[in-house]
Structures are given as structure tokens and as C-alpha cells.
N, C-alpha and C. Protein backbone atom coordinates (compact mmCIF):
# COMPACT_ATOMS: atom_id res chain seq x y z
N UNK A 1 74.72 103.61 105.17
CA UNK A 1 73.82 103.43 105.79
C UNK A 1 74.22 103.14 107.17
N UNK A 2 75.15 101.82 107.25
CA UNK A 2 75.43 101.14 108.62
C UNK A 2 76.37 101.77 109.79
N UNK A 3 77.02 103.50 109.08
CA UNK A 3 77.42 104.20 110.05
C UNK A 3 76.48 104.74 110.99
N UNK A 4 75.23 104.78 110.45
CA UNK A 4 73.91 105.55 111.14
C UNK A 4 73.37 104.09 112.51
N UNK A 5 73.65 103.34 112.15
CA UNK A 5 73.43 102.02 113.04
C UNK A 5 73.87 102.35 114.37
N UNK A 6 74.73 102.67 114.66
CA UNK A 6 75.12 103.24 116.24
C UNK A 6 76.05 101.67 116.58
N UNK A 7 76.98 102.00 117.48
CA UNK A 7 78.01 101.03 117.78
C UNK A 7 77.00 99.89 118.83
N UNK A 8 75.98 100.37 119.86
CA UNK A 8 75.46 99.50 120.41
C UNK A 8 74.62 98.50 119.61
N UNK A 9 74.38 98.98 118.30
CA UNK A 9 73.36 97.95 117.70
C UNK A 9 74.13 97.00 116.36
N UNK A 10 75.44 97.06 116.42
CA UNK A 10 75.86 96.32 115.60
C UNK A 10 75.46 94.79 115.28
N UNK A 11 75.33 94.13 116.68
CA UNK A 11 74.92 92.62 116.51
C UNK A 11 73.69 92.05 116.60
N UNK A 12 72.86 93.14 116.58
CA UNK A 12 71.30 93.13 116.20
C UNK A 12 71.04 93.09 115.15
N UNK A 13 71.96 94.34 114.21
CA UNK A 13 71.39 94.71 112.59
C UNK A 13 71.92 93.34 111.85
N UNK A 14 73.17 92.83 112.20
CA UNK A 14 73.74 91.76 111.45
C UNK A 14 73.06 90.41 111.98
N UNK A 15 72.32 89.86 113.24
CA UNK A 15 71.49 89.01 113.38
C UNK A 15 69.94 89.35 112.58
N UNK A 16 69.91 90.56 112.58
CA UNK A 16 68.40 90.66 111.44
C UNK A 16 68.68 90.30 110.43
N UNK A 17 70.18 90.72 109.54
CA UNK A 17 70.50 90.34 108.16
C UNK A 17 70.24 88.87 108.24
N UNK A 18 70.78 87.96 109.12
CA UNK A 18 70.99 86.83 108.71
C UNK A 18 69.61 85.95 109.12
N UNK A 19 68.70 86.75 109.68
CA UNK A 19 67.08 86.34 109.81
C UNK A 19 66.91 86.56 108.39
N UNK A 20 66.84 87.45 107.68
CA UNK A 20 66.17 87.72 106.69
C UNK A 20 66.76 87.29 105.24
N UNK A 21 67.89 86.61 105.14
CA UNK A 21 68.68 86.31 104.68
C UNK A 21 68.56 84.98 104.43
N UNK A 22 68.04 84.63 102.80
CA UNK A 22 68.04 83.18 102.25
C UNK A 22 69.14 82.59 102.52
N UNK A 23 69.17 81.09 102.45
CA UNK A 23 70.43 80.47 102.44
C UNK A 23 71.10 80.67 101.13
N UNK A 24 70.78 80.77 99.84
CA UNK A 24 71.49 81.28 98.79
C UNK A 24 71.59 82.46 98.88
N UNK A 25 71.28 83.52 99.48
CA UNK A 25 71.32 85.14 99.87
C UNK A 25 72.71 85.68 99.80
N UNK A 26 72.81 86.48 99.08
CA UNK A 26 74.37 87.46 99.29
C UNK A 26 73.83 88.81 99.60
N UNK A 27 74.59 89.33 100.47
CA UNK A 27 74.61 90.71 101.14
C UNK A 27 75.66 91.79 100.55
N UNK A 28 75.63 92.94 100.29
CA UNK A 28 76.68 93.88 100.06
C UNK A 28 76.41 94.99 101.07
N UNK A 29 77.36 94.77 102.08
CA UNK A 29 77.64 95.95 103.00
C UNK A 29 78.42 96.93 102.47
N UNK A 30 77.58 98.44 102.47
CA UNK A 30 78.66 99.22 101.80
C UNK A 30 78.74 100.41 102.74
N UNK A 31 79.64 100.74 103.54
CA UNK A 31 79.56 101.60 104.62
C UNK A 31 80.93 102.60 104.78
N UNK A 32 80.64 103.85 105.41
CA UNK A 32 82.20 104.39 105.65
C UNK A 32 82.36 103.62 106.70
N UNK A 33 84.02 103.81 106.87
CA UNK A 33 84.21 102.88 107.87
C UNK A 33 85.80 103.73 108.45
N UNK A 34 86.55 103.67 109.46
CA UNK A 34 87.72 103.91 109.84
C UNK A 34 88.79 103.25 109.70
N UNK A 35 89.91 103.58 109.23
CA UNK A 35 91.07 102.64 108.47
C UNK A 35 91.94 102.30 109.72
N UNK A 36 91.49 102.85 111.14
CA UNK A 36 92.08 102.36 112.18
C UNK A 36 91.03 101.46 113.22
N UNK A 37 92.06 101.42 114.26
CA UNK A 37 91.11 100.67 115.59
C UNK A 37 90.04 101.44 115.86
N UNK A 38 89.11 100.90 116.62
CA UNK A 38 88.05 101.58 117.21
C UNK A 38 88.29 102.91 118.05
N UNK A 39 87.81 103.71 117.55
CA UNK A 39 87.76 105.05 118.33
C UNK A 39 86.46 105.69 118.32
N UNK A 40 86.36 107.03 119.08
CA UNK A 40 85.41 107.64 119.35
C UNK A 40 84.88 108.64 117.80
N UNK A 41 83.61 108.83 117.30
CA UNK A 41 83.49 109.71 116.55
C UNK A 41 83.47 110.95 116.78
N UNK A 42 83.84 112.10 115.86
CA UNK A 42 84.27 113.17 115.99
C UNK A 42 83.52 114.22 116.82
N UNK A 43 83.52 114.80 118.10
CA UNK A 43 82.47 115.38 118.69
C UNK A 43 81.50 116.32 118.11
N UNK A 44 81.96 117.11 117.32
CA UNK A 44 81.63 118.25 116.28
C UNK A 44 80.69 117.44 115.32
N UNK A 45 81.18 116.43 114.71
CA UNK A 45 80.27 115.64 113.61
C UNK A 45 78.96 115.06 114.36
N UNK A 46 79.39 114.61 115.60
CA UNK A 46 78.17 113.72 116.49
C UNK A 46 77.20 115.06 117.15
N UNK A 47 77.63 116.01 117.48
CA UNK A 47 76.89 117.20 118.23
C UNK A 47 75.94 117.63 116.88
N UNK A 48 76.62 118.35 115.63
CA UNK A 48 76.05 118.80 114.72
C UNK A 48 75.39 118.30 113.35
N UNK A 49 75.98 117.38 113.11
CA UNK A 49 75.71 116.59 111.34
C UNK A 49 75.04 115.01 111.63
N UNK A 50 75.72 114.01 112.74
CA UNK A 50 75.27 112.92 112.85
C UNK A 50 75.01 112.29 113.92
N UNK A 51 73.93 113.25 114.92
CA UNK A 51 74.00 112.58 116.12
C UNK A 51 73.74 111.07 116.24
N UNK A 52 74.22 110.18 116.89
CA UNK A 52 73.89 108.71 117.24
C UNK A 52 74.64 108.27 116.16
N UNK A 53 75.35 108.74 115.45
CA UNK A 53 76.06 108.07 114.43
C UNK A 53 77.52 107.41 115.15
N UNK A 54 77.62 106.47 114.10
CA UNK A 54 79.36 106.22 114.71
C UNK A 54 79.96 105.67 113.18
N UNK A 55 81.68 105.82 113.33
CA UNK A 55 81.94 105.21 112.34
C UNK A 55 82.86 104.05 112.77
N UNK A 56 82.19 102.95 112.22
CA UNK A 56 82.99 101.78 112.59
C UNK A 56 84.58 101.36 111.76
N UNK A 57 85.24 100.59 112.70
CA UNK A 57 86.47 100.05 112.37
C UNK A 57 86.26 98.44 111.95
N UNK A 58 87.04 97.87 110.75
CA UNK A 58 86.91 97.10 110.08
C UNK A 58 86.81 95.52 111.01
N UNK A 59 87.51 95.77 112.27
CA UNK A 59 87.25 94.98 113.37
C UNK A 59 86.34 94.92 113.99
N UNK A 60 85.14 95.84 114.19
CA UNK A 60 83.99 95.86 115.00
C UNK A 60 83.20 95.26 114.11
N UNK A 61 83.06 95.76 112.73
CA UNK A 61 81.77 94.89 111.98
C UNK A 61 82.59 93.32 111.95
N UNK A 62 83.76 93.09 111.67
CA UNK A 62 83.80 91.44 111.31
C UNK A 62 83.25 91.04 113.04
N UNK A 63 83.65 91.18 113.88
CA UNK A 63 83.54 90.81 115.11
C UNK A 63 82.01 90.60 115.10
N UNK A 64 81.05 91.36 115.01
CA UNK A 64 79.82 91.24 115.17
C UNK A 64 78.91 90.18 114.05
N UNK A 65 79.46 90.68 112.62
CA UNK A 65 79.44 89.83 111.77
C UNK A 65 79.36 88.30 112.17
N UNK A 66 80.71 87.89 112.52
CA UNK A 66 80.69 86.46 112.95
C UNK A 66 80.21 86.03 114.26
N UNK A 67 79.61 86.86 114.78
CA UNK A 67 78.79 86.62 116.25
C UNK A 67 77.10 86.09 115.76
N UNK A 68 76.91 86.81 114.37
CA UNK A 68 75.62 86.67 113.62
C UNK A 68 75.58 85.33 112.98
N UNK A 69 76.83 84.58 112.84
CA UNK A 69 76.52 83.61 112.09
C UNK A 69 76.78 83.64 110.43
N UNK A 70 77.18 84.81 110.16
CA UNK A 70 77.02 85.20 108.77
C UNK A 70 79.02 84.81 108.25
N UNK A 71 79.01 84.61 106.99
CA UNK A 71 80.39 84.51 106.32
C UNK A 71 80.85 85.72 105.63
N UNK A 72 82.02 85.98 105.62
CA UNK A 72 82.33 87.06 104.93
C UNK A 72 83.49 86.49 103.81
N UNK A 73 82.49 86.78 102.67
CA UNK A 73 83.16 86.38 101.42
C UNK A 73 84.30 87.11 100.55
N UNK A 74 84.14 88.28 100.89
CA UNK A 74 85.04 89.41 100.07
C UNK A 74 84.73 90.74 100.88
N UNK A 75 85.92 91.12 101.05
CA UNK A 75 86.04 92.80 101.37
C UNK A 75 86.90 93.51 100.67
N UNK A 76 86.12 94.71 100.00
CA UNK A 76 87.06 95.72 99.10
C UNK A 76 87.10 97.07 100.00
N UNK A 77 88.20 97.70 99.85
CA UNK A 77 88.45 98.86 100.94
C UNK A 77 88.29 99.92 99.42
N UNK A 78 87.50 101.07 99.30
CA UNK A 78 87.67 102.06 98.30
C UNK A 78 88.32 103.12 99.01
N UNK A 79 89.33 103.44 98.60
CA UNK A 79 90.16 104.38 99.81
C UNK A 79 89.86 106.16 99.24
N UNK A 80 89.78 106.40 98.00
CA UNK A 80 89.82 107.93 97.70
C UNK A 80 88.28 108.30 97.02
N UNK A 81 87.84 107.35 96.45
CA UNK A 81 86.20 107.39 95.63
C UNK A 81 85.57 108.35 96.50
N UNK A 82 85.16 108.26 97.70
CA UNK A 82 84.51 109.35 98.15
C UNK A 82 84.95 110.90 98.57
N UNK A 83 86.50 111.12 98.67
CA UNK A 83 87.03 112.22 98.54
C UNK A 83 86.12 113.15 97.43
N UNK A 84 86.57 112.31 96.30
CA UNK A 84 86.17 112.88 94.97
C UNK A 84 84.37 112.96 94.94
N UNK A 85 83.59 112.37 95.82
CA UNK A 85 82.32 112.46 96.03
C UNK A 85 82.15 113.71 96.74
N UNK A 86 82.59 113.76 97.91
CA UNK A 86 82.37 115.03 98.83
C UNK A 86 83.23 116.41 98.17
N UNK A 87 84.00 116.07 97.60
CA UNK A 87 84.69 117.63 96.91
C UNK A 87 83.69 117.71 95.48
N UNK A 88 83.12 117.37 94.98
CA UNK A 88 81.88 117.27 93.95
C UNK A 88 80.60 117.75 94.86
N UNK A 89 80.14 117.50 96.17
CA UNK A 89 79.35 117.83 96.62
C UNK A 89 79.24 119.34 96.82
N UNK A 90 80.94 119.40 97.45
CA UNK A 90 81.17 120.54 98.10
C UNK A 90 80.79 121.74 96.91
N UNK A 91 81.17 121.59 95.56
CA UNK A 91 81.37 122.14 94.48
C UNK A 91 79.91 123.00 94.30
N UNK A 92 79.23 121.84 94.36
CA UNK A 92 77.82 122.18 93.64
C UNK A 92 77.12 122.63 94.73
N UNK A 93 77.17 122.92 96.47
CA UNK A 93 76.84 123.81 97.49
C UNK A 93 77.51 124.80 96.99
N UNK A 94 78.54 124.84 96.68
CA UNK A 94 79.20 126.57 96.57
C UNK A 94 78.59 127.09 95.76
N UNK A 95 78.38 126.73 94.61
CA UNK A 95 77.07 127.16 93.17
C UNK A 95 75.86 127.46 93.91
N UNK A 96 75.23 127.12 94.61
CA UNK A 96 73.88 127.39 95.15
C UNK A 96 74.21 128.09 96.56
N UNK A 97 74.96 127.85 96.81
CA UNK A 97 75.15 128.71 98.48
C UNK A 97 74.08 129.52 98.62
N UNK A 98 74.16 130.56 97.64
CA UNK A 98 72.89 131.31 98.29
C UNK A 98 71.81 131.03 98.62
N UNK A 99 71.33 130.49 97.80
CA UNK A 99 69.94 129.69 97.95
C UNK A 99 69.55 128.95 99.16
N UNK A 100 70.96 128.51 100.06
CA UNK A 100 70.74 127.55 101.15
C UNK A 100 70.92 128.86 102.26
N UNK A 101 71.92 129.85 102.09
CA UNK A 101 71.78 130.72 103.14
C UNK A 101 70.51 131.62 103.38
N UNK A 102 69.85 131.62 102.17
CA UNK A 102 68.65 131.94 102.34
C UNK A 102 67.03 131.28 102.99
N UNK A 103 67.42 130.02 102.82
CA UNK A 103 66.80 128.97 103.38
C UNK A 103 66.98 128.16 104.81
N UNK A 104 68.37 128.18 104.89
CA UNK A 104 68.85 127.28 105.93
C UNK A 104 69.59 128.42 106.87
N UNK A 105 69.94 129.52 106.42
CA UNK A 105 70.72 130.35 107.40
C UNK A 105 72.27 130.15 107.23
N UNK A 106 73.13 131.09 107.21
CA UNK A 106 74.91 131.48 107.41
C UNK A 106 75.39 130.23 108.02
N UNK A 107 74.71 130.07 109.55
CA UNK A 107 75.38 129.22 110.50
C UNK A 107 75.50 127.70 109.65
N UNK A 108 74.24 127.41 109.27
CA UNK A 108 74.24 125.88 108.35
C UNK A 108 75.31 125.95 107.60
N UNK A 109 75.30 126.81 106.65
CA UNK A 109 76.19 127.12 105.39
C UNK A 109 77.71 126.67 105.89
N UNK A 110 78.11 127.47 106.99
CA UNK A 110 79.64 127.47 107.09
C UNK A 110 79.43 125.56 107.93
N UNK A 111 78.91 125.44 108.45
CA UNK A 111 78.96 124.08 109.13
C UNK A 111 78.89 122.66 107.98
N UNK A 112 78.25 123.51 107.24
CA UNK A 112 78.14 122.18 105.85
C UNK A 112 79.40 122.50 105.12
N UNK A 113 79.82 123.63 105.10
CA UNK A 113 81.37 123.71 104.01
C UNK A 113 82.45 123.16 105.11
N UNK A 114 82.46 123.47 106.42
CA UNK A 114 83.19 122.42 107.22
C UNK A 114 83.00 120.79 107.32
N UNK A 115 82.08 120.49 107.14
CA UNK A 115 81.82 119.27 107.52
C UNK A 115 82.41 118.58 106.03
N UNK A 116 81.97 119.12 104.64
CA UNK A 116 82.35 118.39 103.60
C UNK A 116 83.99 118.71 103.48
N UNK A 117 84.25 119.84 104.00
CA UNK A 117 85.82 120.09 104.07
C UNK A 117 86.55 119.29 104.55
N UNK A 118 86.34 118.82 106.06
CA UNK A 118 86.89 118.02 106.79
C UNK A 118 86.72 116.46 106.70
N UNK A 119 85.48 116.16 105.71
CA UNK A 119 85.38 114.73 105.59
C UNK A 119 86.14 114.59 104.36
N UNK A 120 86.26 115.71 103.37
CA UNK A 120 86.82 115.11 102.15
C UNK A 120 88.49 114.84 102.46
N UNK A 121 89.31 115.76 103.01
CA UNK A 121 90.07 115.61 103.91
C UNK A 121 90.38 114.12 104.56
N UNK A 122 89.82 114.07 105.45
CA UNK A 122 89.89 112.75 105.79
C UNK A 122 90.13 111.21 105.54
N UNK A 123 89.06 111.33 103.86
CA UNK A 123 89.24 110.08 103.11
C UNK A 123 90.53 110.55 102.38
N UNK A 124 91.13 111.78 101.65
CA UNK A 124 92.30 111.82 101.05
C UNK A 124 93.92 111.21 101.92
N UNK A 125 93.29 111.57 103.08
CA UNK A 125 94.51 110.94 104.49
C UNK A 125 94.24 109.55 104.55
N UNK A 126 93.01 108.64 104.08
CA UNK A 126 92.47 107.36 104.00
C UNK A 126 92.49 107.42 105.65
N UNK A 127 92.23 108.30 106.70
CA UNK A 127 91.96 108.08 108.03
C UNK A 127 90.31 107.62 107.62
N UNK A 128 89.47 107.82 106.79
CA UNK A 128 88.09 107.31 106.34
C UNK A 128 88.23 106.37 105.02
N UNK A 129 87.36 105.36 104.97
CA UNK A 129 87.30 104.73 103.93
C UNK A 129 85.75 104.43 103.94
N UNK A 130 85.57 103.68 102.34
CA UNK A 130 84.51 102.76 102.11
C UNK A 130 84.74 101.32 102.08
N UNK A 131 84.17 100.93 103.08
CA UNK A 131 84.33 99.23 102.96
C UNK A 131 83.14 98.79 102.36
N UNK A 132 83.41 97.84 101.62
CA UNK A 132 82.25 97.08 100.76
C UNK A 132 82.61 95.34 101.14
N UNK A 133 81.78 95.15 102.03
CA UNK A 133 81.77 93.57 102.61
C UNK A 133 80.63 92.67 102.13
N UNK A 134 81.10 91.55 101.49
CA UNK A 134 80.32 90.40 100.71
C UNK A 134 80.13 89.80 101.93
N UNK A 135 78.74 89.09 102.10
CA UNK A 135 78.07 88.45 103.57
C UNK A 135 77.41 87.30 102.96
N UNK A 136 77.33 86.17 103.34
CA UNK A 136 76.25 85.11 103.07
C UNK A 136 76.32 84.34 104.20
N UNK A 137 75.22 83.58 104.12
CA UNK A 137 74.93 82.19 105.09
C UNK A 137 75.95 81.31 104.68
N UNK A 138 75.71 80.74 103.43
CA UNK A 138 76.62 79.51 103.17
C UNK A 138 78.04 80.00 102.39
N UNK A 139 78.86 78.73 102.33
CA UNK A 139 79.88 78.88 101.73
C UNK A 139 79.95 79.14 99.93
N UNK A 140 78.93 78.18 99.63
CA UNK A 140 78.97 77.64 98.11
C UNK A 140 77.98 79.09 96.88
N UNK A 141 78.00 80.00 97.68
CA UNK A 141 76.99 81.00 97.20
C UNK A 141 77.28 81.96 96.30
N UNK A 142 78.66 81.95 96.13
CA UNK A 142 79.70 83.20 95.60
C UNK A 142 80.99 82.12 94.85
N UNK A 143 81.33 82.27 93.80
CA UNK A 143 82.65 81.72 93.18
C UNK A 143 83.63 82.17 94.29
N UNK A 144 84.55 81.40 94.10
CA UNK A 144 86.16 81.58 95.00
C UNK A 144 86.87 82.40 94.78
N UNK A 145 86.65 83.27 93.82
CA UNK A 145 87.43 84.42 93.03
C UNK A 145 86.70 85.72 92.75
N UNK A 146 87.06 86.92 92.36
CA UNK A 146 86.31 87.68 92.03
C UNK A 146 86.27 87.95 90.45
N UNK A 147 86.55 86.93 89.68
CA UNK A 147 86.80 86.76 88.05
C UNK A 147 85.05 87.09 87.95
N UNK A 148 83.86 86.64 88.61
CA UNK A 148 82.80 86.77 88.00
C UNK A 148 81.92 88.28 88.26
N UNK A 149 82.89 88.47 89.06
CA UNK A 149 82.27 90.23 88.93
C UNK A 149 82.95 91.17 87.84
N UNK A 150 83.63 90.91 87.02
CA UNK A 150 84.17 91.52 85.62
C UNK A 150 84.15 90.76 84.64
N UNK A 151 83.19 90.02 84.48
CA UNK A 151 82.50 89.20 83.16
C UNK A 151 81.26 90.19 82.44
């Protein structure tokens, strides 16, 4: 969902999390992100799929998190998982394409197929990734290693 917040609102977003989070609370931010430096979102995606959306770089998220006074406890980068998700969505869409043509039109269907295909390719090439960033207000709210996650 964070990729729908928009770059101008990153700091406000994390400030609000900081306001709402209890001292012993933990947040897990799960978001699509770019693996490289900050850049612009694909113009076609912006125009037809996610107006106002922005794919953040980890460096942009980190800066906004720090300004909000939150601590980053852990970062996990899921590189290929979402490519498989997009492939499954495309397969399901193809099975029901006729219904979508009837209800949404051929143009919509072509755009959706292009979107799913280009996003799958971006995840397979690791241009896009999924970031899972664990945040807290206090240092002592989670153990120092990931061992507790696997028990």
C-alpha cells in the first residue's frame, strides 16, 4: 500500500505511524520498491494503472523513517516472490478474459495484460522487489536476531 502514498507524503506517513504506535509496538511495512536509486515511475503505469502512485527506493523510505524518529529493526528483500504472484494473476486473468472483455472492454484487457507482463518482467529482473521493513519506537521491543521468527 505504501507505493500508493506518493513521494510528497512519505514523511507525513511515517510521522503518523510514529504517533499511532505504542512504545512497545512493532510495524511491518510490506511494499513494492525499486532496487536502484530514486527515479520516476513508468509514465504508462502512472497514466493508466496507478495515477499518483510511486515506487520508492529503499533510500527514500529510510530517510523518511529516520526523520519520523522510528527505528529500523530489520529489512527483508523478497526478490522473486511477486513475479510468481503476477504470473498467477495473468494466468487467471487469461482464463476469464472473455468475461472481462464483455464487462470492461478489449482496451482494458490489453492494458491489464501489458501491465501484468511488464511487472512480472521487472520483478524477474530484480528492477522491482518487495521490501519488508520492521519498525519500532524502542530498541528493545524485538530480539536482536531473526531466530524468534522461525520458532
